[in-house]
Protein backbone atom coordinates (compact mmCIF):
# COMPACT_ATOMS: atom_id res chain seq x y z
CA MET A 1 67.70 53.14 33.73
CA ASN A 2 71.37 52.21 33.69
CA SER A 3 72.45 50.74 30.32
CA HIS A 4 74.28 47.88 32.12
CA VAL A 5 71.10 46.88 33.95
CA LEU A 6 69.07 47.05 30.73
CA PHE A 7 71.69 44.95 28.90
CA GLY A 8 71.75 42.44 31.78
CA ARG A 9 67.96 42.05 31.69
CA ARG A 10 67.99 41.53 27.91
CA ALA A 11 70.77 38.98 28.23
CA LEU A 12 68.83 37.11 30.92
CA LEU A 13 65.67 37.12 28.80
CA ALA A 14 67.60 35.85 25.76
CA LEU A 15 69.22 33.13 27.84
CA ALA A 16 65.87 32.12 29.37
CA ALA A 17 64.38 31.83 25.87
CA ALA A 18 67.35 29.84 24.55
CA VAL A 19 67.37 27.18 27.30
CA PRO A 20 64.00 25.57 26.35
CA VAL A 21 64.94 25.67 22.65
CA ALA A 22 68.26 23.96 23.34
CA ALA A 23 66.57 21.39 25.59
CA ALA A 24 63.95 20.64 22.94
CA ALA A 25 66.65 20.24 20.28
CA ARG A 26 68.61 17.89 22.57
CA ASP A 27 65.48 15.85 23.34
CA ALA A 28 64.54 15.63 19.65
CA ALA A 29 68.04 14.48 18.76
CA SER A 30 67.88 11.71 21.38
CA ARG A 31 64.52 10.35 20.14
CA PRO A 32 64.54 7.66 17.46
CA VAL A 33 63.61 8.92 14.02
CA ALA A 34 60.18 7.75 12.88
CA PRO A 35 60.52 5.33 10.00
CA SER A 36 59.40 6.50 6.59
CA LEU A 37 56.45 4.47 5.38
CA ALA A 38 56.18 6.32 2.07
CA GLY A 39 55.65 4.01 -0.87
CA THR A 40 53.27 1.40 -2.19
CA TRP A 41 52.41 -1.63 -0.06
CA THR A 42 50.57 -4.83 -0.92
CA LEU A 43 48.45 -6.74 1.56
CA VAL A 44 49.97 -9.97 2.86
CA ALA A 45 47.35 -10.84 5.50
CA ALA A 46 44.13 -9.47 6.97
CA ASP A 47 43.53 -11.59 10.05
CA ARG A 48 41.97 -11.15 13.44
CA ARG A 49 43.00 -12.33 16.86
CA LEU A 50 40.05 -13.69 18.83
CA PRO A 51 39.62 -13.09 22.57
CA ASP A 52 40.92 -16.63 23.25
CA GLY A 53 44.21 -15.72 21.48
CA SER A 54 43.65 -17.78 18.34
CA VAL A 55 44.07 -16.13 14.94
CA THR A 56 41.69 -16.54 12.03
CA ARG A 57 41.27 -15.04 8.56
CA ASP A 58 39.23 -11.84 8.47
CA TYR A 59 39.00 -11.24 4.71
CA GLY A 60 39.18 -14.82 3.43
CA ALA A 61 42.09 -17.04 2.45
CA ALA A 62 43.61 -14.69 -0.13
CA PRO A 63 42.72 -11.07 0.66
CA GLN A 64 43.76 -8.38 -1.79
CA GLY A 65 44.82 -4.90 -0.84
CA ARG A 66 46.89 -1.84 -1.53
CA LEU A 67 48.22 0.89 0.73
CA MET A 68 49.79 3.97 -0.81
CA ILE A 69 51.53 6.60 1.32
CA ASP A 70 53.17 9.72 -0.10
CA ASP A 71 56.08 11.68 1.37
CA ALA A 72 53.67 14.15 3.03
CA GLY A 73 51.88 11.33 4.90
CA ARG A 74 48.71 11.25 2.81
CA TYR A 75 47.46 7.69 2.40
CA ALA A 76 44.84 5.59 0.62
CA LEU A 77 44.08 2.04 1.77
CA GLN A 78 41.94 -0.71 0.25
CA ILE A 79 41.34 -4.26 1.53
CA PHE A 80 39.10 -6.74 -0.31
CA ARG A 81 37.95 -10.28 0.30
CA ALA A 82 38.98 -12.09 -2.91
CA GLU A 83 35.96 -14.41 -2.69
CA ARG A 84 33.35 -11.65 -3.11
CA PRO A 85 30.73 -12.83 -5.61
CA ASP A 86 30.04 -10.92 -8.80
CA PHE A 87 26.63 -9.24 -9.03
CA ALA A 88 24.40 -11.50 -11.17
CA ALA A 89 22.77 -8.52 -12.93
CA GLY A 90 26.16 -7.01 -13.78
CA ASP A 91 24.85 -3.69 -12.44
CA LYS A 92 25.73 -2.34 -9.00
CA GLY A 93 22.36 -0.61 -8.77
CA LYS A 94 20.56 -3.92 -9.24
CA GLY A 95 22.46 -5.97 -6.69
CA THR A 96 20.53 -8.24 -4.37
CA ASP A 97 20.62 -7.69 -0.62
CA ALA A 98 23.02 -10.64 -0.30
CA GLU A 99 25.32 -9.27 -3.05
CA MET A 100 25.32 -5.81 -1.45
CA ARG A 101 26.10 -7.28 1.99
CA ALA A 102 28.95 -9.40 0.60
CA ALA A 103 30.38 -6.36 -1.20
CA VAL A 104 30.26 -4.15 1.91
CA MET A 105 31.42 -6.76 4.41
CA GLY A 106 34.14 -7.92 2.02
CA SER A 107 35.85 -4.56 1.72
CA SER A 108 37.46 -1.88 3.85
CA THR A 109 38.71 1.36 2.35
CA HIS A 110 39.71 4.72 3.75
CA PHE A 111 42.02 7.64 3.06
CA GLY A 112 43.44 10.61 4.91
CA SER A 113 46.73 11.47 6.58
CA LEU A 114 49.08 9.24 8.53
CA THR A 115 51.69 10.14 11.13
CA VAL A 116 54.20 7.79 12.72
CA ASP A 117 55.38 7.88 16.33
CA GLY A 118 58.57 5.83 16.22
CA THR A 119 59.07 6.02 19.98
CA ALA A 120 55.58 4.79 20.92
CA ARG A 121 55.50 2.52 17.84
CA THR A 122 52.08 3.85 16.85
CA LEU A 123 50.44 5.01 13.65
CA ARG A 124 47.90 7.83 13.79
CA PHE A 125 45.33 7.63 11.01
CA ALA A 126 43.37 10.88 10.53
CA ILE A 127 40.61 9.41 8.37
CA GLU A 128 39.06 11.86 5.94
CA ASP A 129 36.59 9.35 4.50
CA SER A 130 35.90 5.65 4.60
CA SER A 131 33.70 2.94 3.09
CA PHE A 132 32.43 2.62 6.68
CA PRO A 133 30.79 6.05 7.14
CA ASN A 134 31.17 5.98 10.93
CA TRP A 135 34.94 6.36 10.50
CA ARG A 136 34.65 9.68 8.62
CA GLY A 137 36.62 12.34 10.46
CA GLN A 138 37.94 9.93 13.11
CA VAL A 139 41.49 9.68 14.35
CA GLN A 140 42.59 6.10 15.04
CA VAL A 141 45.83 5.04 16.67
CA ARG A 142 47.29 1.63 15.95
CA SER A 143 50.36 -0.13 17.33
CA PHE A 144 52.76 -1.29 14.63
CA THR A 145 55.97 -3.14 13.88
CA LEU A 146 58.22 -2.61 10.89
CA ASP A 147 60.64 -5.38 9.96
CA GLU A 148 62.59 -4.41 6.84
CA ASP A 149 59.76 -3.90 4.32
CA VAL A 150 57.02 -5.73 6.25
CA LEU A 151 54.60 -3.50 8.16
CA THR A 152 52.17 -5.03 10.66
CA TRP A 153 49.58 -3.18 12.70
CA GLU A 154 46.70 -3.94 15.03
CA VAL A 155 43.37 -2.18 14.72
CA PRO A 156 41.56 -1.29 17.98
CA PRO A 157 39.39 -4.18 19.21
CA ARG A 158 35.97 -4.65 17.67
CA PRO A 159 32.84 -4.85 19.86
CA ASP A 160 33.17 -8.67 19.88
CA GLY A 161 36.69 -8.36 21.35
CA SER A 162 38.53 -9.52 18.22
CA VAL A 163 41.57 -7.51 17.08
CA PRO A 164 42.09 -7.09 13.34
CA ILE A 165 45.71 -7.46 12.21
CA SER A 166 46.95 -6.13 8.88
CA VAL A 167 50.26 -7.22 7.36
CA TRP A 168 51.70 -5.31 4.40
CA ARG A 169 54.82 -5.72 2.24
CA ARG A 170 56.38 -2.68 0.58
CA VAL A 171 56.59 -3.09 -3.19
CA SER A 172 58.00 0.33 -4.07
CA ARG A 173 59.42 3.50 -2.56
CA PRO A 174 58.99 7.02 -3.89
CA THR A 175 61.64 8.05 -6.38
CA PRO A 176 63.85 10.89 -5.15
């Protein structure tokens, strides 16, 4: 085979391979950068929007919570109803049915990995484990807004049609 023809084919193959790479780089450069959510966040509100559009408290008047996200996107989240009663026996193993129910229904915890899609304004939670066992291994996508250091997201609707809304305020960022 003629060396010019061989060189021409190689050049065409190299050019064909370079075009998609250049297009992908151009497209990536034109997309907004996903915001970094790394840091420690404190819960401001844990509400729910009812099907009629009204908003009510989901975890009581003064919910407590922490969300910690590292630079690699690993997260741990805890939400607690502040009004949960203490167990009268002082022993978790001896809690009454009512105490156990209040403890479970008054808390939501899970951990795993989190990715942000800044263009779609969504968070993708890959849940490794959760206080609600049915969430183990699930991937959940939530729409979010970020205003300065206030992060708000909506959880997918519950069976009753209500939409939980979590509002967090960043209290610290990772140190470089």
